[in-house]
Amino acid sequence: MAKYKVEITGVNTSSLKVLSNEEQMMYFKKMREGDAKAKEILIEGNLKLVLSVLKSFRNFKGNMDDLFQVGVVGLIKAIDNFDASLNLKLSTYAIPLILGEVKKFLRSNQSSVRVSRGMKDFAYQILNYKEQYFQKYGVEPSSAELVKHFKTTEYMIGNALDSLKEPVSIFEPIYNDGGEPIYLADQLAAKKENNEKRDDLLLLKKALTKLKEREKKILLERYIVGKTQMEIAEKLHISQAQVSRIEKNAVNHMRKLMK
């Protein structure tokens, strides 16, 4: 196991404290009340989340300290935006954001990678067609409809749409409007190492399949892509209050299904 240890300059990773769920909820309450020290404790008490993500990048040829710093940025964003009232674990919300920041950093430093103009033009054609289709039928075109209309493959449709996306999440290349959604459980399964957590993930995946499509979409947008309720509301053409209600109902529904 020692060969998988992430070495960070100036950080004794083996002695980092890990907060219990009860401690985290206590400090979140204090942070919401304006206690700046509580936020620092939450950050320090979850640095091992960043380290666990960096294990996936142990073959990175650059400075691992840089990846650690951008991973901490993702952790801070997660702590700032985490809604403790939903009774979800911080790790569930934070890991995708940490991964997103690391992936964004890696992409911004890969200057040799360029998206062709033709690919972007194709993406704009897809978006234009989707808008026209929605105005005519009131729903977005399915993946099959896009493939049929443009006489191409689902992969090319997804690849084109991804070329326009801001690289904020490691899940972007496989989650897009024209393809099958990737469930949270599928992405977190590789992170779990014991049978108890694996059972929880199986329950989570099963619960997700029983949600309504809109509930599922909102949870994926919120906790995988990292969008705000307002951004989702604008995309779905509904109010922010409706998004909040649907999100809370979906979480409550999943909690009951997982008991």
Protein backbone atom coordinates (compact mmCIF):
# COMPACT_ATOMS: atom_id res chain seq x y z
CA MET A 1 0.00 0.00 0.00
CA ALA A 2 2.92 2.37 0.60
CA LYS A 3 3.61 2.76 -3.12
CA TYR A 4 0.19 4.37 -3.53
CA LYS A 5 0.86 7.08 -0.95
CA VAL A 6 0.61 10.60 -2.35
CA GLU A 7 3.61 12.72 -1.32
CA ILE A 8 2.85 16.43 -0.82
CA THR A 9 5.58 18.89 0.10
CA GLY A 10 5.16 20.20 3.64
CA VAL A 11 2.18 17.95 4.41
CA ASN A 12 2.41 14.91 6.66
CA THR A 13 -0.37 13.00 4.91
CA SER A 14 -0.30 10.12 7.37
CA SER A 15 -1.26 12.36 10.29
CA LEU A 16 -4.13 14.26 8.68
CA LYS A 17 -7.26 14.27 10.83
CA VAL A 18 -10.50 12.91 9.42
CA LEU A 19 -13.74 14.37 10.75
CA SER A 20 -16.65 12.10 11.57
CA ASN A 21 -19.99 12.82 9.93
CA GLU A 22 -21.34 14.18 13.23
CA GLU A 23 -18.35 16.51 13.59
CA GLN A 24 -18.79 17.75 10.05
CA MET A 25 -22.43 18.60 10.60
CA MET A 26 -21.50 20.47 13.77
CA TYR A 27 -18.86 22.55 11.99
CA PHE A 28 -21.14 23.22 9.02
CA LYS A 29 -23.66 24.65 11.46
CA LYS A 30 -20.98 26.86 13.00
CA MET A 31 -19.75 27.93 9.57
CA ARG A 32 -23.27 28.97 8.52
CA GLU A 33 -23.40 31.04 11.70
CA GLY A 34 -20.30 32.95 10.60
CA ASP A 35 -17.53 31.01 12.35
CA ALA A 36 -14.54 31.33 9.97
CA LYS A 37 -12.50 28.88 12.05
CA ALA A 38 -15.14 26.19 11.48
CA LYS A 39 -14.58 26.41 7.72
CA GLU A 40 -10.82 25.97 8.20
CA ILE A 41 -11.46 22.88 10.33
CA LEU A 42 -13.78 21.45 7.67
CA ILE A 43 -11.11 21.96 5.00
CA GLU A 44 -8.33 20.45 7.08
CA GLY A 45 -10.57 17.58 8.18
CA ASN A 46 -11.31 16.60 4.56
CA LEU A 47 -7.89 16.91 2.94
CA LYS A 48 -7.74 13.12 2.72
CA LEU A 49 -10.59 13.35 0.21
CA VAL A 50 -8.22 15.30 -2.04
CA LEU A 51 -5.47 12.75 -1.50
CA SER A 52 -7.82 9.88 -2.34
CA VAL A 53 -8.63 11.57 -5.66
CA LEU A 54 -4.96 12.20 -6.45
CA LYS A 55 -4.20 8.47 -6.20
CA SER A 56 -5.88 8.16 -9.60
CA PHE A 57 -3.25 10.54 -11.00
CA ARG A 58 -0.14 8.96 -9.48
CA ASN A 59 1.37 8.64 -12.99
CA PHE A 60 1.19 12.42 -13.44
CA LYS A 61 4.62 13.64 -14.64
CA GLY A 62 4.35 17.16 -13.24
CA ASN A 63 4.42 18.53 -9.72
CA MET A 64 1.94 16.66 -7.51
CA ASP A 65 1.85 19.70 -5.20
CA ASP A 66 0.11 21.63 -7.98
CA LEU A 67 -2.58 18.96 -8.31
CA PHE A 68 -3.05 19.00 -4.56
CA GLN A 69 -3.57 22.77 -4.55
CA VAL A 70 -6.20 22.69 -7.31
CA GLY A 71 -7.86 19.72 -5.61
CA VAL A 72 -8.14 21.79 -2.43
CA VAL A 73 -9.84 24.51 -4.50
CA GLY A 74 -12.47 21.93 -5.47
CA LEU A 75 -12.85 20.91 -1.83
CA ILE A 76 -13.38 24.53 -0.77
CA LYS A 77 -16.03 24.99 -3.47
CA ALA A 78 -17.79 21.87 -2.21
CA ILE A 79 -17.73 23.08 1.39
CA ASP A 80 -19.01 26.54 0.38
CA ASN A 81 -21.95 25.10 -1.58
CA PHE A 82 -22.80 21.95 0.38
CA ASP A 83 -26.38 21.77 1.64
CA ALA A 84 -26.18 19.92 4.94
CA SER A 85 -29.99 19.82 5.21
CA LEU A 86 -30.16 17.15 2.47
CA ASN A 87 -28.51 14.59 4.80
CA LEU A 88 -25.97 13.53 2.18
CA LYS A 89 -22.31 12.86 2.87
CA LEU A 90 -19.91 15.66 1.99
CA SER A 91 -17.69 13.18 0.15
CA THR A 92 -20.53 12.36 -2.28
CA TYR A 93 -20.74 16.01 -3.25
CA ALA A 94 -17.06 16.94 -2.95
CA ILE A 95 -15.32 14.18 -4.92
CA PRO A 96 -16.78 15.19 -8.34
CA LEU A 97 -15.84 18.83 -7.71
CA ILE A 98 -12.30 17.92 -6.68
CA LEU A 99 -11.96 15.71 -9.75
CA GLY A 100 -13.34 18.50 -11.89
CA GLU A 101 -10.76 21.03 -10.70
CA VAL A 102 -7.91 18.57 -11.24
CA LYS A 103 -9.18 17.66 -14.69
CA LYS A 104 -9.61 21.33 -15.59
CA PHE A 105 -6.02 22.03 -14.51
CA LEU A 106 -4.68 19.12 -16.56
CA ARG A 107 -6.61 20.18 -19.64
CA SER A 108 -5.47 23.80 -19.37
CA ASN A 109 -1.87 22.60 -19.29
CA GLN A 110 -2.18 20.27 -22.27
CA SER A 111 -1.49 22.94 -24.89
CA SER A 112 -1.02 20.33 -27.60
CA VAL A 113 -4.70 19.38 -27.44
CA ARG A 114 -6.88 21.50 -29.72
CA VAL A 115 -10.53 21.15 -30.67
CA SER A 116 -10.91 21.47 -34.43
CA ARG A 117 -13.04 24.29 -35.85
CA GLY A 118 -15.04 21.71 -37.80
CA MET A 119 -15.96 19.89 -34.60
CA LYS A 120 -17.18 23.10 -32.97
CA ASP A 121 -19.18 24.04 -36.07
CA PHE A 122 -20.84 20.62 -35.95
CA ALA A 123 -21.65 21.15 -32.27
CA TYR A 124 -23.37 24.46 -33.06
CA GLN A 125 -25.40 22.74 -35.78
CA ILE A 126 -26.54 20.17 -33.19
CA LEU A 127 -27.51 22.89 -30.70
CA ASN A 128 -29.41 24.79 -33.39
CA TYR A 129 -31.32 21.66 -34.41
CA LYS A 130 -32.11 20.83 -30.77
CA GLU A 131 -33.53 24.31 -30.24
CA GLN A 132 -35.69 24.10 -33.38
CA TYR A 133 -36.86 20.62 -32.41
CA PHE A 134 -37.79 21.78 -28.89
CA GLN A 135 -39.75 24.75 -30.24
CA LYS A 136 -41.67 22.46 -32.58
CA TYR A 137 -42.33 19.45 -30.31
CA GLY A 138 -41.85 20.81 -26.78
CA VAL A 139 -39.17 18.22 -25.90
CA GLU A 140 -35.51 17.80 -26.74
CA PRO A 141 -34.61 15.33 -29.50
CA SER A 142 -33.48 11.92 -28.35
CA SER A 143 -30.04 10.53 -29.03
CA ALA A 144 -31.50 8.31 -31.75
CA GLU A 145 -33.17 11.31 -33.40
CA LEU A 146 -29.89 13.25 -33.48
CA VAL A 147 -28.02 10.27 -34.93
CA LYS A 148 -30.69 9.84 -37.63
CA HIS A 149 -30.87 13.53 -38.53
CA PHE A 150 -27.12 14.09 -38.83
CA LYS A 151 -26.39 10.62 -40.25
CA THR A 152 -23.59 9.99 -37.77
CA THR A 153 -22.93 8.05 -34.57
CA GLU A 154 -23.89 8.72 -30.97
CA TYR A 155 -20.21 8.96 -30.12
CA MET A 156 -19.65 11.76 -32.66
CA ILE A 157 -22.70 13.63 -31.38
CA GLY A 158 -21.43 13.43 -27.80
CA ASN A 159 -17.87 14.28 -28.80
CA ALA A 160 -19.01 17.39 -30.66
CA LEU A 161 -21.14 18.64 -27.77
CA ASP A 162 -18.29 18.02 -25.33
CA SER A 163 -16.02 20.26 -27.43
CA LEU A 164 -18.10 23.27 -26.32
CA LYS A 165 -18.21 22.42 -22.62
CA GLU A 166 -16.14 24.16 -19.99
CA PRO A 167 -13.92 21.47 -18.45
CA VAL A 168 -15.27 21.56 -14.92
CA SER A 169 -15.83 17.87 -14.31
CA ILE A 170 -14.09 14.62 -15.11
CA PHE A 171 -17.50 13.19 -16.00
CA GLU A 172 -18.17 15.55 -18.94
CA PRO A 173 -16.84 13.33 -21.76
CA ILE A 174 -19.40 10.65 -20.90
CA TYR A 175 -22.37 12.67 -19.67
CA ASN A 176 -24.22 14.80 -22.19
CA ASP A 177 -27.73 15.55 -23.36
CA GLY A 178 -27.48 13.22 -26.34
CA GLY A 179 -26.42 10.07 -24.50
CA GLU A 180 -27.30 7.75 -21.67
CA PRO A 181 -26.71 9.34 -18.23
CA ILE A 182 -23.97 8.02 -15.98
CA TYR A 183 -25.19 7.23 -12.49
CA LEU A 184 -23.45 8.50 -9.38
CA ALA A 185 -23.00 4.96 -8.12
CA ASP A 186 -21.09 3.94 -11.24
CA GLN A 187 -18.57 6.74 -10.73
CA LEU A 188 -18.08 6.19 -7.00
CA ALA A 189 -17.95 2.39 -7.06
CA ALA A 190 -14.23 2.30 -7.83
CA LYS A 191 -13.56 4.48 -4.79
CA LYS A 192 -15.08 2.06 -2.31
CA GLU A 193 -12.96 -0.67 -0.84
CA ASN A 194 -15.10 -2.59 1.59
CA ASN A 195 -18.25 -4.67 1.35
CA GLU A 196 -20.39 -2.40 3.47
CA LYS A 197 -19.80 0.61 1.23
CA ARG A 198 -20.23 -1.54 -1.86
CA ASP A 199 -23.65 -2.61 -0.61
CA ASP A 200 -24.57 1.05 -0.10
CA LEU A 201 -23.60 1.81 -3.67
CA LEU A 202 -25.74 -1.03 -4.99
CA LEU A 203 -28.69 0.35 -3.04
CA LEU A 204 -27.97 3.83 -4.35
CA LYS A 205 -27.86 2.63 -7.96
CA LYS A 206 -31.10 0.70 -7.52
CA ALA A 207 -32.77 3.73 -5.94
CA LEU A 208 -31.66 5.97 -8.82
CA THR A 209 -33.31 3.69 -11.36
CA LYS A 210 -36.67 4.14 -9.59
CA LEU A 211 -36.65 7.94 -9.75
CA LYS A 212 -38.59 9.88 -12.34
CA GLU A 213 -36.51 11.11 -15.27
CA ARG A 214 -36.71 14.76 -14.19
CA GLU A 215 -35.68 13.89 -10.62
CA LYS A 216 -32.78 11.83 -11.91
CA LYS A 217 -31.66 14.60 -14.28
CA ILE A 218 -31.73 17.24 -11.55
CA LEU A 219 -29.69 15.09 -9.13
CA LEU A 220 -27.10 14.37 -11.83
CA GLU A 221 -26.84 18.03 -12.77
CA ARG A 222 -26.53 19.07 -9.12
CA TYR A 223 -24.17 16.43 -7.73
CA ILE A 224 -22.22 15.21 -10.78
CA VAL A 225 -21.97 18.25 -13.04
CA GLY A 226 -22.08 20.68 -10.09
CA LYS A 227 -24.67 23.13 -11.43
CA THR A 228 -26.63 25.47 -9.19
CA GLN A 229 -30.39 25.23 -8.81
CA MET A 230 -30.76 28.48 -10.77
CA GLU A 231 -28.72 27.13 -13.70
CA ILE A 232 -30.84 23.97 -13.79
CA ALA A 233 -34.04 26.02 -13.58
CA GLU A 234 -33.01 28.06 -16.61
CA LYS A 235 -32.15 24.93 -18.57
CA LEU A 236 -35.45 23.18 -17.75
CA HIS A 237 -37.52 26.38 -18.08
CA ILE A 238 -38.94 26.10 -14.57
CA SER A 239 -38.50 28.14 -11.39
CA GLN A 240 -35.66 27.74 -8.91
CA ALA A 241 -38.24 26.92 -6.24
CA GLN A 242 -39.50 24.00 -8.38
CA VAL A 243 -35.97 22.68 -8.80
CA SER A 244 -35.42 22.88 -5.04
CA ARG A 245 -38.68 21.03 -4.34
CA ILE A 246 -37.97 18.31 -6.91
CA GLU A 247 -34.42 17.86 -5.60
CA LYS A 248 -35.54 17.49 -1.98
CA ASN A 249 -38.35 15.10 -2.93
CA ALA A 250 -35.89 12.99 -4.95
CA VAL A 251 -33.42 12.82 -2.06
CA ASN A 252 -36.17 11.88 0.40
CA HIS A 253 -37.48 9.26 -2.00
CA MET A 254 -34.00 7.74 -2.39
CA ARG A 255 -33.49 7.73 1.37
CA LYS A 256 -36.67 5.71 1.84
CA LEU A 257 -35.72 3.29 -0.94
CA MET A 258 -32.30 2.69 0.61
CA LYS A 259 -33.55 1.82 4.09
